[in-house]
Amino acid sequence: MGDPMTSPAVDALRELLFAGRQARIHVLFEGQPTHSVLGAEGREQFSTVVLARVPTSTWNWLAPQAGPAPKRSTHPGRVHVVQGWTTHQTQVLLLTDTEAAAWVTTTAARGAGPPGRTRRASGHLHTAQL
């Protein structure tokens, strides 16, 4: 257990981050990853960082190895993906809440996941097909 003043959710996130690579757990974190929440050690557990329209200070904290922050894009859905010392400008899907909910519902109903991935359901191993 961690500090009694720390939220149990933050403790759980830290545990996932440190167990993640060995246990093949992938964590998607969306939010303000402050030093008080993740700490420097937690931040280093992310192998890929996706940044969109962030201030230079955030870039310098989350992706200092990638060099200076690139110019912000005003193009909707344009992000920068940082892996190690490499940065790639990437276009992502922009969905409304309604569109995202419909996509998730449809995908879940089909039992599909990413192509070529497998998942376990009711003790059976399935290969996801899209």
C-alpha atoms as a PDB file:
ATOM      1  CA  MET A   1       0.000   0.000   0.000  1.00  0.00           C
ATOM      2  CA  GLY A   2       1.126   3.526  -0.678  1.00  0.00           C
ATOM      3  CA  ASP A   3       0.809   6.781   1.155  1.00  0.00           C
ATOM      4  CA  PRO A   4      -2.548   7.030   3.023  1.00  0.00           C
ATOM      5  CA  MET A   5      -2.967  10.547   1.576  1.00  0.00           C
ATOM      6  CA  THR A   6      -2.765   9.187  -1.980  1.00  0.00           C
ATOM      7  CA  SER A   7      -5.931   8.171  -3.793  1.00  0.00           C
ATOM      8  CA  PRO A   8      -6.387   4.383  -4.152  1.00  0.00           C
ATOM      9  CA  ALA A   9      -6.874   5.015  -7.897  1.00  0.00           C
ATOM     10  CA  VAL A  10      -3.440   6.655  -8.138  1.00  0.00           C
ATOM     11  CA  ASP A  11      -1.892   3.773  -6.175  1.00  0.00           C
ATOM     12  CA  ALA A  12      -3.538   1.298  -8.581  1.00  0.00           C
ATOM     13  CA  LEU A  13      -2.304   3.264 -11.613  1.00  0.00           C
ATOM     14  CA  ARG A  14       1.250   3.210 -10.277  1.00  0.00           C
ATOM     15  CA  GLU A  15       1.039  -0.538  -9.652  1.00  0.00           C
ATOM     16  CA  LEU A  16      -0.216  -1.119 -13.213  1.00  0.00           C
ATOM     17  CA  LEU A  17       2.537   1.036 -14.671  1.00  0.00           C
ATOM     18  CA  PHE A  18       5.291  -0.829 -12.887  1.00  0.00           C
ATOM     19  CA  ALA A  19       3.817  -4.280 -13.572  1.00  0.00           C
ATOM     20  CA  GLY A  20       2.709  -3.447 -17.099  1.00  0.00           C
ATOM     21  CA  ARG A  21       5.612  -4.376 -19.323  1.00  0.00           C
ATOM     22  CA  GLN A  22       6.315  -7.686 -17.633  1.00  0.00           C
ATOM     23  CA  ALA A  23       2.629  -8.624 -17.486  1.00  0.00           C
ATOM     24  CA  ARG A  24       1.903  -7.314 -21.019  1.00  0.00           C
ATOM     25  CA  ILE A  25      -0.467  -4.702 -19.624  1.00  0.00           C
ATOM     26  CA  HIS A  26      -0.988  -1.656 -21.813  1.00  0.00           C
ATOM     27  CA  VAL A  27      -2.044   1.544 -20.081  1.00  0.00           C
ATOM     28  CA  LEU A  28      -3.686   4.453 -21.867  1.00  0.00           C
ATOM     29  CA  PHE A  29      -3.504   7.526 -19.674  1.00  0.00           C
ATOM     30  CA  GLU A  30      -5.439  10.637 -20.600  1.00  0.00           C
ATOM     31  CA  GLY A  31      -5.050  13.534 -18.275  1.00  0.00           C
ATOM     32  CA  GLN A  32      -2.616  15.882 -16.622  1.00  0.00           C
ATOM     33  CA  PRO A  33       0.281  13.598 -15.626  1.00  0.00           C
ATOM     34  CA  THR A  34       1.700  15.751 -12.849  1.00  0.00           C
ATOM     35  CA  HIS A  35       4.778  14.892 -10.826  1.00  0.00           C
ATOM     36  CA  SER A  36       2.561  14.406  -7.789  1.00  0.00           C
ATOM     37  CA  VAL A  37       0.424  11.809  -9.578  1.00  0.00           C
ATOM     38  CA  LEU A  38       2.936   9.762 -11.567  1.00  0.00           C
ATOM     39  CA  GLY A  39       6.327  10.973 -10.455  1.00  0.00           C
ATOM     40  CA  ALA A  40       9.332  10.743 -12.747  1.00  0.00           C
ATOM     41  CA  GLU A  41       9.454   6.954 -12.397  1.00  0.00           C
ATOM     42  CA  GLY A  42       5.845   6.534 -13.514  1.00  0.00           C
ATOM     43  CA  ARG A  43       6.287   8.766 -16.517  1.00  0.00           C
ATOM     44  CA  GLU A  44       9.217   6.655 -17.698  1.00  0.00           C
ATOM     45  CA  GLN A  45       7.002   3.554 -17.886  1.00  0.00           C
ATOM     46  CA  PHE A  46       5.243   4.854 -21.010  1.00  0.00           C
ATOM     47  CA  SER A  47       7.036   3.711 -24.164  1.00  0.00           C
ATOM     48  CA  THR A  48       4.797   5.802 -26.420  1.00  0.00           C
ATOM     49  CA  VAL A  49       3.538   9.290 -25.682  1.00  0.00           C
ATOM     50  CA  VAL A  50       0.834  10.949 -27.799  1.00  0.00           C
ATOM     51  CA  LEU A  51       0.725  14.724 -27.451  1.00  0.00           C
ATOM     52  CA  ALA A  52      -1.716  17.134 -29.070  1.00  0.00           C
ATOM     53  CA  ARG A  53      -1.643  20.905 -28.721  1.00  0.00           C
ATOM     54  CA  VAL A  54       0.363  20.871 -25.485  1.00  0.00           C
ATOM     55  CA  PRO A  55       2.408  23.749 -24.106  1.00  0.00           C
ATOM     56  CA  THR A  56       6.187  23.600 -24.404  1.00  0.00           C
ATOM     57  CA  SER A  57       6.526  22.896 -20.678  1.00  0.00           C
ATOM     58  CA  THR A  58       4.389  19.740 -20.994  1.00  0.00           C
ATOM     59  CA  TRP A  59       6.364  18.605 -24.044  1.00  0.00           C
ATOM     60  CA  ASN A  60       9.631  19.163 -22.187  1.00  0.00           C
ATOM     61  CA  TRP A  61       8.396  17.149 -19.221  1.00  0.00           C
ATOM     62  CA  LEU A  62       6.861  14.216 -21.146  1.00  0.00           C
ATOM     63  CA  ALA A  63       9.150  13.983 -24.190  1.00  0.00           C
ATOM     64  CA  PRO A  64      12.430  15.785 -23.429  1.00  0.00           C
ATOM     65  CA  GLN A  65      14.461  13.180 -25.308  1.00  0.00           C
ATOM     66  CA  ALA A  66      12.608  14.017 -28.544  1.00  0.00           C
ATOM     67  CA  GLY A  67      14.080  17.496 -28.770  1.00  0.00           C
ATOM     68  CA  PRO A  68      12.335  20.840 -28.853  1.00  0.00           C
ATOM     69  CA  ALA A  69       8.554  20.956 -28.999  1.00  0.00           C
ATOM     70  CA  PRO A  70       7.253  21.153 -32.561  1.00  0.00           C
ATOM     71  CA  LYS A  71       4.989  23.972 -33.640  1.00  0.00           C
ATOM     72  CA  ARG A  72       1.394  23.370 -32.581  1.00  0.00           C
ATOM     73  CA  SER A  73      -0.948  22.286 -35.325  1.00  0.00           C
ATOM     74  CA  THR A  74      -4.381  23.828 -35.663  1.00  0.00           C
ATOM     75  CA  HIS A  75      -5.446  20.922 -37.883  1.00  0.00           C
ATOM     76  CA  PRO A  76      -8.166  18.935 -36.034  1.00  0.00           C
ATOM     77  CA  GLY A  77      -6.924  15.498 -34.985  1.00  0.00           C
ATOM     78  CA  ARG A  78      -3.233  16.188 -35.593  1.00  0.00           C
ATOM     79  CA  VAL A  79      -1.008  14.764 -32.832  1.00  0.00           C
ATOM     80  CA  HIS A  80       2.649  13.985 -32.267  1.00  0.00           C
ATOM     81  CA  VAL A  81       3.578  10.417 -31.357  1.00  0.00           C
ATOM     82  CA  VAL A  82       6.867  10.114 -29.490  1.00  0.00           C
ATOM     83  CA  GLN A  83       8.633   6.770 -29.212  1.00  0.00           C
ATOM     84  CA  GLY A  84      12.083   6.981 -27.714  1.00  0.00           C
ATOM     85  CA  TRP A  85      13.944   9.756 -29.493  1.00  0.00           C
ATOM     86  CA  THR A  86      11.685   9.760 -32.556  1.00  0.00           C
ATOM     87  CA  THR A  87       8.644  11.969 -33.158  1.00  0.00           C
ATOM     88  CA  HIS A  88       6.023  11.370 -35.840  1.00  0.00           C
ATOM     89  CA  GLN A  89       3.229  13.750 -36.734  1.00  0.00           C
ATOM     90  CA  THR A  90       0.100  11.628 -36.995  1.00  0.00           C
ATOM     91  CA  GLN A  91      -3.561  12.112 -37.889  1.00  0.00           C
ATOM     92  CA  VAL A  92      -6.029  10.485 -35.481  1.00  0.00           C
ATOM     93  CA  LEU A  93      -9.755   9.862 -35.775  1.00  0.00           C
ATOM     94  CA  LEU A  94     -12.028  12.541 -34.430  1.00  0.00           C
ATOM     95  CA  LEU A  95     -15.341  11.164 -33.232  1.00  0.00           C
ATOM     96  CA  THR A  96     -18.177  12.811 -31.386  1.00  0.00           C
ATOM     97  CA  ASP A  97     -19.242  11.159 -28.135  1.00  0.00           C
ATOM     98  CA  THR A  98     -22.221   9.665 -29.980  1.00  0.00           C
ATOM     99  CA  GLU A  99     -20.025   8.286 -32.789  1.00  0.00           C
ATOM    100  CA  ALA A 100     -17.523   6.850 -30.304  1.00  0.00           C
ATOM    101  CA  ALA A 101     -20.286   5.196 -28.269  1.00  0.00           C
ATOM    102  CA  ALA A 102     -21.786   3.684 -31.429  1.00  0.00           C
ATOM    103  CA  TRP A 103     -18.392   2.371 -32.553  1.00  0.00           C
ATOM    104  CA  VAL A 104     -17.651   0.828 -29.143  1.00  0.00           C
ATOM    105  CA  THR A 105     -21.124  -0.704 -28.926  1.00  0.00           C
ATOM    106  CA  THR A 106     -20.900  -2.180 -32.432  1.00  0.00           C
ATOM    107  CA  THR A 107     -17.381  -3.472 -31.873  1.00  0.00           C
ATOM    108  CA  ALA A 108     -18.271  -5.014 -28.502  1.00  0.00           C
ATOM    109  CA  ALA A 109     -21.415  -6.616 -29.944  1.00  0.00           C
ATOM    110  CA  ARG A 110     -19.343  -8.310 -32.648  1.00  0.00           C
ATOM    111  CA  GLY A 111     -16.774  -9.381 -30.076  1.00  0.00           C
ATOM    112  CA  ALA A 112     -14.102  -7.874 -32.267  1.00  0.00           C
ATOM    113  CA  GLY A 113     -10.902  -6.230 -31.218  1.00  0.00           C
ATOM    114  CA  PRO A 114      -7.850  -5.071 -33.107  1.00  0.00           C
ATOM    115  CA  PRO A 115      -7.052  -7.248 -36.165  1.00  0.00           C
ATOM    116  CA  GLY A 116      -4.858 -10.229 -35.425  1.00  0.00           C
ATOM    117  CA  ARG A 117      -5.285  -9.908 -31.665  1.00  0.00           C
ATOM    118  CA  THR A 118      -6.715 -12.606 -29.497  1.00  0.00           C
ATOM    119  CA  ARG A 119      -8.928 -12.370 -26.470  1.00  0.00           C
ATOM    120  CA  ARG A 120     -10.238 -14.790 -23.892  1.00  0.00           C
ATOM    121  CA  ALA A 121     -13.995 -15.042 -23.312  1.00  0.00           C
ATOM    122  CA  SER A 122     -15.686 -17.747 -21.251  1.00  0.00           C
ATOM    123  CA  GLY A 123     -12.480 -19.760 -21.186  1.00  0.00           C
ATOM    124  CA  HIS A 124     -12.175 -19.849 -24.988  1.00  0.00           C
ATOM    125  CA  LEU A 125      -9.506 -18.132 -27.038  1.00  0.00           C
ATOM    126  CA  HIS A 126     -10.803 -16.120 -29.982  1.00  0.00           C
ATOM    127  CA  THR A 127      -9.028 -14.356 -32.806  1.00  0.00           C
ATOM    128  CA  ALA A 128     -10.578 -10.986 -33.453  1.00  0.00           C
ATOM    129  CA  GLN A 129     -11.672 -10.271 -37.008  1.00  0.00           C
ATOM    130  CA  LEU A 130     -12.659  -6.813 -38.236  1.00  0.00           C
END
